[in-house]
Amino acid sequence: MSSILSWFLRAAVLGVLVAPHAVAAEECVPGPGESPRDRAKAEYGAGLAAYQEGRFREAIDHLTCANQFVASADLAYNIAVTYDAMGDAASALRWFREYRRQGGADADSAPVRDKVAELEAALQAVGVQQVTIASTPAGATLRVDEQATGLTPFTLELKPGRHRYQLSAPGRQSADAMFELRADRSLDLAVELAPAAPE
């Protein structure tokens, strides 16, 4: 598996890297006359600088900001590796799984599979496992085990076993079903919400 620095350097060769600058997470919006892509490049550069200096939380802020503007498998990988360096197994797993979903260059490699399995084992050791629930269309309201969670796609950790999800969205039929979460493996659920019947 490529190191995070290798990914950063690969992006630099492609012209993504620019001089870093500091930015607060709440300021993740383009400035006057600044395009979203230019802002993403700047945030990416700031993320590299922060990572190299061991300021991992700041690196996460910059990388996730860049990903809001120009989402990519490479950014998902870099975010995953940074969370892993912080010892945040749940967040690292979430972003490694996102990297695999996006079809990153090493998505199906043995090292990436091994890292995902290692992080799943870390969650299993504390009695939970991770599930991501996505819907078509995205942005549906999600409830899990009768508790409001957020909008899809949504990732959360639950105790292994049987759980119930409920999805609702304007103009779509609701979905209500059970799922089984294994102790040793994360789970992706993709639910298509059919159009609501005409009144």
C-alpha atoms as a PDB file:
ATOM      1  CA  MET A   1       0.000   0.000   0.000  1.00  0.00           C
ATOM      2  CA  SER A   2       1.278   3.448  -0.865  1.00  0.00           C
ATOM      3  CA  SER A   3       2.096   5.685   2.039  1.00  0.00           C
ATOM      4  CA  ILE A   4       0.163   8.885   2.580  1.00  0.00           C
ATOM      5  CA  LEU A   5       3.226  10.834   1.518  1.00  0.00           C
ATOM      6  CA  SER A   6       3.350   8.903  -1.743  1.00  0.00           C
ATOM      7  CA  TRP A   7      -0.238   9.860  -2.424  1.00  0.00           C
ATOM      8  CA  PHE A   8       0.472  13.489  -1.621  1.00  0.00           C
ATOM      9  CA  LEU A   9       3.492  13.487  -3.915  1.00  0.00           C
ATOM     10  CA  ARG A  10       1.482  11.818  -6.671  1.00  0.00           C
ATOM     11  CA  ALA A  11      -1.081  14.590  -6.388  1.00  0.00           C
ATOM     12  CA  ALA A  12       1.693  17.186  -6.458  1.00  0.00           C
ATOM     13  CA  VAL A  13       2.976  15.787  -9.738  1.00  0.00           C
ATOM     14  CA  LEU A  14      -0.539  16.106 -11.115  1.00  0.00           C
ATOM     15  CA  GLY A  15      -0.549  19.774 -10.192  1.00  0.00           C
ATOM     16  CA  VAL A  16      -2.814  19.569  -7.154  1.00  0.00           C
ATOM     17  CA  LEU A  17      -0.356  20.756  -4.539  1.00  0.00           C
ATOM     18  CA  VAL A  18       0.078  24.445  -3.839  1.00  0.00           C
ATOM     19  CA  ALA A  19       1.610  26.483  -1.040  1.00  0.00           C
ATOM     20  CA  PRO A  20      -0.173  25.615   2.219  1.00  0.00           C
ATOM     21  CA  HIS A  21      -2.036  28.101   4.324  1.00  0.00           C
ATOM     22  CA  ALA A  22      -3.915  27.818   7.591  1.00  0.00           C
ATOM     23  CA  VAL A  23      -7.714  27.801   7.609  1.00  0.00           C
ATOM     24  CA  ALA A  24     -10.291  27.050  10.250  1.00  0.00           C
ATOM     25  CA  ALA A  25     -12.680  24.184   9.513  1.00  0.00           C
ATOM     26  CA  GLU A  26     -15.694  26.474   9.731  1.00  0.00           C
ATOM     27  CA  GLU A  27     -14.212  28.577   6.910  1.00  0.00           C
ATOM     28  CA  CYS A  28     -14.440  25.791   4.346  1.00  0.00           C
ATOM     29  CA  VAL A  29     -15.893  28.030   1.638  1.00  0.00           C
ATOM     30  CA  PRO A  30     -14.185  29.643  -1.355  1.00  0.00           C
ATOM     31  CA  GLY A  31     -13.058  33.228  -0.815  1.00  0.00           C
ATOM     32  CA  PRO A  32     -14.085  36.097  -3.091  1.00  0.00           C
ATOM     33  CA  GLY A  33     -12.986  35.312  -6.633  1.00  0.00           C
ATOM     34  CA  GLU A  34     -11.653  31.879  -5.596  1.00  0.00           C
ATOM     35  CA  SER A  35     -12.946  28.812  -7.421  1.00  0.00           C
ATOM     36  CA  PRO A  36     -13.868  25.659  -5.472  1.00  0.00           C
ATOM     37  CA  ARG A  37     -11.062  23.791  -7.251  1.00  0.00           C
ATOM     38  CA  ASP A  38      -8.474  26.427  -6.287  1.00  0.00           C
ATOM     39  CA  ARG A  39      -9.678  26.264  -2.689  1.00  0.00           C
ATOM     40  CA  ALA A  40      -9.412  22.469  -2.764  1.00  0.00           C
ATOM     41  CA  LYS A  41      -5.807  22.717  -3.966  1.00  0.00           C
ATOM     42  CA  ALA A  42      -4.952  25.128  -1.177  1.00  0.00           C
ATOM     43  CA  GLU A  43      -6.610  22.962   1.465  1.00  0.00           C
ATOM     44  CA  TYR A  44      -4.792  19.922   0.126  1.00  0.00           C
ATOM     45  CA  GLY A  45      -1.449  21.680   0.422  1.00  0.00           C
ATOM     46  CA  ALA A  46      -2.251  22.787   3.949  1.00  0.00           C
ATOM     47  CA  GLY A  47      -3.217  19.217   4.795  1.00  0.00           C
ATOM     48  CA  LEU A  48       0.139  17.921   3.559  1.00  0.00           C
ATOM     49  CA  ALA A  49       2.047  20.453   5.654  1.00  0.00           C
ATOM     50  CA  ALA A  50       0.011  19.651   8.766  1.00  0.00           C
ATOM     51  CA  TYR A  51       0.446  15.887   8.297  1.00  0.00           C
ATOM     52  CA  GLN A  52       4.206  16.156   7.834  1.00  0.00           C
ATOM     53  CA  GLU A  53       4.435  18.164  11.063  1.00  0.00           C
ATOM     54  CA  GLY A  54       2.307  15.677  13.005  1.00  0.00           C
ATOM     55  CA  ARG A  55      -0.657  18.038  13.345  1.00  0.00           C
ATOM     56  CA  PHE A  56      -3.115  15.331  12.400  1.00  0.00           C
ATOM     57  CA  ARG A  57      -6.349  16.989  13.549  1.00  0.00           C
ATOM     58  CA  GLU A  58      -5.511  20.066  11.501  1.00  0.00           C
ATOM     59  CA  ALA A  59      -4.615  17.841   8.546  1.00  0.00           C
ATOM     60  CA  ILE A  60      -8.042  16.191   8.784  1.00  0.00           C
ATOM     61  CA  ASP A  61      -9.764  19.585   8.753  1.00  0.00           C
ATOM     62  CA  HIS A  62      -7.942  20.640   5.593  1.00  0.00           C
ATOM     63  CA  LEU A  63      -8.294  17.315   3.788  1.00  0.00           C
ATOM     64  CA  THR A  64     -11.997  16.961   4.497  1.00  0.00           C
ATOM     65  CA  CYS A  65     -12.493  20.549   3.348  1.00  0.00           C
ATOM     66  CA  ALA A  66     -10.686  19.745   0.091  1.00  0.00           C
ATOM     67  CA  ASN A  67     -12.834  16.646  -0.287  1.00  0.00           C
ATOM     68  CA  GLN A  68     -16.001  18.735  -0.026  1.00  0.00           C
ATOM     69  CA  PHE A  69     -14.947  20.625  -3.133  1.00  0.00           C
ATOM     70  CA  VAL A  70     -13.260  17.880  -5.174  1.00  0.00           C
ATOM     71  CA  ALA A  71     -14.164  14.474  -3.764  1.00  0.00           C
ATOM     72  CA  SER A  72     -11.724  11.767  -4.836  1.00  0.00           C
ATOM     73  CA  ALA A  73     -10.485   8.317  -3.902  1.00  0.00           C
ATOM     74  CA  ASP A  74      -7.008   9.739  -3.234  1.00  0.00           C
ATOM     75  CA  LEU A  75      -8.382  12.222  -0.710  1.00  0.00           C
ATOM     76  CA  ALA A  76     -10.440   9.499   0.964  1.00  0.00           C
ATOM     77  CA  TYR A  77      -7.255   7.438   1.297  1.00  0.00           C
ATOM     78  CA  ASN A  78      -5.279  10.329   2.753  1.00  0.00           C
ATOM     79  CA  ILE A  79      -8.039  11.087   5.268  1.00  0.00           C
ATOM     80  CA  ALA A  80      -8.143   7.396   6.237  1.00  0.00           C
ATOM     81  CA  VAL A  81      -4.392   7.196   6.797  1.00  0.00           C
ATOM     82  CA  THR A  82      -4.424  10.397   8.842  1.00  0.00           C
ATOM     83  CA  TYR A  83      -7.188   9.100  11.095  1.00  0.00           C
ATOM     84  CA  ASP A  84      -5.237   5.851  11.427  1.00  0.00           C
ATOM     85  CA  ALA A  85      -2.178   7.831  12.543  1.00  0.00           C
ATOM     86  CA  MET A  86      -4.394   9.459  15.197  1.00  0.00           C
ATOM     87  CA  GLY A  87      -5.527   6.056  16.472  1.00  0.00           C
ATOM     88  CA  ASP A  88      -9.156   6.702  15.478  1.00  0.00           C
ATOM     89  CA  ALA A  89     -10.099   3.241  14.210  1.00  0.00           C
ATOM     90  CA  ALA A  90     -13.754   4.003  13.452  1.00  0.00           C
ATOM     91  CA  SER A  91     -13.014   7.084  11.345  1.00  0.00           C
ATOM     92  CA  ALA A  92     -10.080   5.413   9.614  1.00  0.00           C
ATOM     93  CA  LEU A  93     -12.280   2.438   8.720  1.00  0.00           C
ATOM     94  CA  ARG A  94     -15.010   4.712   7.405  1.00  0.00           C
ATOM     95  CA  TRP A  95     -12.611   6.452   5.021  1.00  0.00           C
ATOM     96  CA  PHE A  96     -10.756   3.293   3.931  1.00  0.00           C
ATOM     97  CA  ARG A  97     -14.150   1.820   3.052  1.00  0.00           C
ATOM     98  CA  GLU A  98     -15.002   5.005   1.159  1.00  0.00           C
ATOM     99  CA  TYR A  99     -11.688   4.709  -0.715  1.00  0.00           C
ATOM    100  CA  ARG A 100     -12.622   1.168  -1.739  1.00  0.00           C
ATOM    101  CA  ARG A 101     -16.123   2.216  -2.787  1.00  0.00           C
ATOM    102  CA  GLN A 102     -14.652   4.921  -5.006  1.00  0.00           C
ATOM    103  CA  GLY A 103     -12.372   2.394  -6.701  1.00  0.00           C
ATOM    104  CA  GLY A 104      -9.025   3.832  -5.661  1.00  0.00           C
ATOM    105  CA  ALA A 105      -5.895   2.583  -7.402  1.00  0.00           C
ATOM    106  CA  ASP A 106      -5.097   0.085  -4.613  1.00  0.00           C
ATOM    107  CA  ALA A 107      -8.696  -0.491  -3.504  1.00  0.00           C
ATOM    108  CA  ASP A 108      -8.591  -4.261  -3.982  1.00  0.00           C
ATOM    109  CA  SER A 109      -4.969  -4.780  -2.950  1.00  0.00           C
ATOM    110  CA  ALA A 110      -4.065  -7.141  -0.133  1.00  0.00           C
ATOM    111  CA  PRO A 111      -2.589  -4.343   2.042  1.00  0.00           C
ATOM    112  CA  VAL A 112      -5.818  -2.321   1.880  1.00  0.00           C
ATOM    113  CA  ARG A 113      -7.925  -5.404   2.606  1.00  0.00           C
ATOM    114  CA  ASP A 114      -5.619  -6.223   5.521  1.00  0.00           C
ATOM    115  CA  LYS A 115      -5.896  -2.686   6.904  1.00  0.00           C
ATOM    116  CA  VAL A 116      -9.695  -2.791   6.704  1.00  0.00           C
ATOM    117  CA  ALA A 117      -9.707  -6.164   8.474  1.00  0.00           C
ATOM    118  CA  GLU A 118      -7.359  -4.788  11.158  1.00  0.00           C
ATOM    119  CA  LEU A 119      -9.653  -1.831  11.807  1.00  0.00           C
ATOM    120  CA  GLU A 120     -12.750  -4.036  11.828  1.00  0.00           C
ATOM    121  CA  ALA A 121     -11.010  -6.202  14.432  1.00  0.00           C
ATOM    122  CA  ALA A 122     -10.274  -3.098  16.512  1.00  0.00           C
ATOM    123  CA  LEU A 123     -13.981  -2.237  16.554  1.00  0.00           C
ATOM    124  CA  GLN A 124     -14.920  -5.837  17.296  1.00  0.00           C
ATOM    125  CA  ALA A 125     -12.590  -5.734  20.297  1.00  0.00           C
ATOM    126  CA  VAL A 126     -14.654  -2.932  21.835  1.00  0.00           C
ATOM    127  CA  GLY A 127     -17.974  -4.636  21.064  1.00  0.00           C
ATOM    128  CA  VAL A 128     -19.178  -2.721  18.005  1.00  0.00           C
ATOM    129  CA  GLN A 129     -19.003  -2.894  14.232  1.00  0.00           C
ATOM    130  CA  GLN A 130     -19.520  -0.362  11.461  1.00  0.00           C
ATOM    131  CA  VAL A 131     -22.381  -0.068   8.974  1.00  0.00           C
ATOM    132  CA  THR A 132     -22.949   2.412   6.176  1.00  0.00           C
ATOM    133  CA  ILE A 133     -26.497   2.930   4.945  1.00  0.00           C
ATOM    134  CA  ALA A 134     -26.901   4.633   1.574  1.00  0.00           C
ATOM    135  CA  SER A 135     -30.000   5.341  -0.444  1.00  0.00           C
ATOM    136  CA  THR A 136     -31.023   6.256  -3.954  1.00  0.00           C
ATOM    137  CA  PRO A 137     -31.716   9.122  -3.988  1.00  0.00           C
ATOM    138  CA  ALA A 138     -29.240  10.268  -1.353  1.00  0.00           C
ATOM    139  CA  GLY A 139     -30.295  12.581   1.453  1.00  0.00           C
ATOM    140  CA  ALA A 140     -33.065  10.388   2.870  1.00  0.00           C
ATOM    141  CA  THR A 141     -33.878  10.687   6.565  1.00  0.00           C
ATOM    142  CA  LEU A 142     -32.518   7.668   8.418  1.00  0.00           C
ATOM    143  CA  ARG A 143     -33.625   6.088  11.663  1.00  0.00           C
ATOM    144  CA  VAL A 144     -31.877   3.069  13.157  1.00  0.00           C
ATOM    145  CA  ASP A 145     -33.506   1.100  15.941  1.00  0.00           C
ATOM    146  CA  GLU A 146     -36.118   3.856  16.269  1.00  0.00           C
ATOM    147  CA  GLN A 147     -33.450   6.511  16.800  1.00  0.00           C
ATOM    148  CA  ALA A 148     -32.972   9.433  14.382  1.00  0.00           C
ATOM    149  CA  THR A 149     -29.428   9.344  13.001  1.00  0.00           C
ATOM    150  CA  GLY A 150     -29.113  11.707  10.024  1.00  0.00           C
ATOM    151  CA  LEU A 151     -29.268  11.832   6.251  1.00  0.00           C
ATOM    152  CA  THR A 152     -27.960   9.166   3.890  1.00  0.00           C
ATOM    153  CA  PRO A 153     -25.318   8.124   3.236  1.00  0.00           C
ATOM    154  CA  PHE A 154     -24.639   7.663   6.931  1.00  0.00           C
ATOM    155  CA  THR A 155     -22.021   5.584   8.754  1.00  0.00           C
ATOM    156  CA  LEU A 156     -22.325   4.504  12.368  1.00  0.00           C
ATOM    157  CA  GLU A 157     -21.105   1.894  14.820  1.00  0.00           C
ATOM    158  CA  LEU A 158     -23.549  -0.537  16.415  1.00  0.00           C
ATOM    159  CA  LYS A 159     -23.426  -3.637  18.560  1.00  0.00           C
ATOM    160  CA  PRO A 160     -23.404  -6.762  16.382  1.00  0.00           C
ATOM    161  CA  GLY A 161     -26.745  -8.432  15.839  1.00  0.00           C
ATOM    162  CA  ARG A 162     -30.114  -7.605  14.321  1.00  0.00           C
ATOM    163  CA  HIS A 163     -31.078  -3.985  13.746  1.00  0.00           C
ATOM    164  CA  ARG A 164     -33.838  -2.120  11.996  1.00  0.00           C
ATOM    165  CA  TYR A 165     -33.521   0.814   9.614  1.00  0.00           C
ATOM    166  CA  GLN A 166     -36.213   3.181   8.378  1.00  0.00           C
ATOM    167  CA  LEU A 167     -35.735   5.560   5.446  1.00  0.00           C
ATOM    168  CA  SER A 168     -38.009   8.333   4.243  1.00  0.00           C
ATOM    169  CA  ALA A 169     -37.698  11.029   1.609  1.00  0.00           C
ATOM    170  CA  PRO A 170     -40.146  13.446  -0.039  1.00  0.00           C
ATOM    171  CA  GLY A 171     -41.804  11.935  -3.083  1.00  0.00           C
ATOM    172  CA  ARG A 172     -40.509   8.440  -2.294  1.00  0.00           C
ATOM    173  CA  GLN A 173     -41.921   5.355  -0.661  1.00  0.00           C
ATOM    174  CA  SER A 174     -40.504   4.731   2.789  1.00  0.00           C
ATOM    175  CA  ALA A 175     -38.312   1.713   3.472  1.00  0.00           C
ATOM    176  CA  ASP A 176     -38.390  -0.292   6.684  1.00  0.00           C
ATOM    177  CA  ALA A 177     -36.298  -3.451   7.076  1.00  0.00           C
ATOM    178  CA  MET A 178     -34.086  -5.483   9.367  1.00  0.00           C
ATOM    179  CA  PHE A 179     -30.410  -6.174   8.844  1.00  0.00           C
ATOM    180  CA  GLU A 180     -27.835  -8.376  10.522  1.00  0.00           C
ATOM    181  CA  LEU A 181     -24.505  -6.842  11.516  1.00  0.00           C
ATOM    182  CA  ARG A 182     -21.674  -9.304  11.968  1.00  0.00           C
ATOM    183  CA  ALA A 183     -19.205  -8.865  14.792  1.00  0.00           C
ATOM    184  CA  ASP A 184     -16.140  -9.270  12.577  1.00  0.00           C
ATOM    185  CA  ARG A 185     -17.051  -7.404   9.399  1.00  0.00           C
ATOM    186  CA  SER A 186     -18.386  -3.980   8.439  1.00  0.00           C
ATOM    187  CA  LEU A 187     -21.499  -3.738   6.292  1.00  0.00           C
ATOM    188  CA  ASP A 188     -22.698  -1.639   3.369  1.00  0.00           C
ATOM    189  CA  LEU A 189     -26.449  -1.351   2.796  1.00  0.00           C
ATOM    190  CA  ALA A 190     -27.728   0.262  -0.394  1.00  0.00           C
ATOM    191  CA  VAL A 191     -31.464   0.943  -0.529  1.00  0.00           C
ATOM    192  CA  GLU A 192     -33.377   2.217  -3.549  1.00  0.00           C
ATOM    193  CA  LEU A 193     -36.417   4.268  -2.599  1.00  0.00           C
ATOM    194  CA  ALA A 194     -39.172   3.827  -5.159  1.00  0.00           C
ATOM    195  CA  PRO A 195     -41.216   6.848  -6.279  1.00  0.00           C
ATOM    196  CA  ALA A 196     -44.306   7.421  -4.202  1.00  0.00           C
ATOM    197  CA  ALA A 197     -47.568   6.339  -5.758  1.00  0.00           C
ATOM    198  CA  PRO A 198     -49.527   9.204  -7.393  1.00  0.00           C
ATOM    199  CA  GLU A 199     -52.313  10.511  -5.223  1.00  0.00           C
END
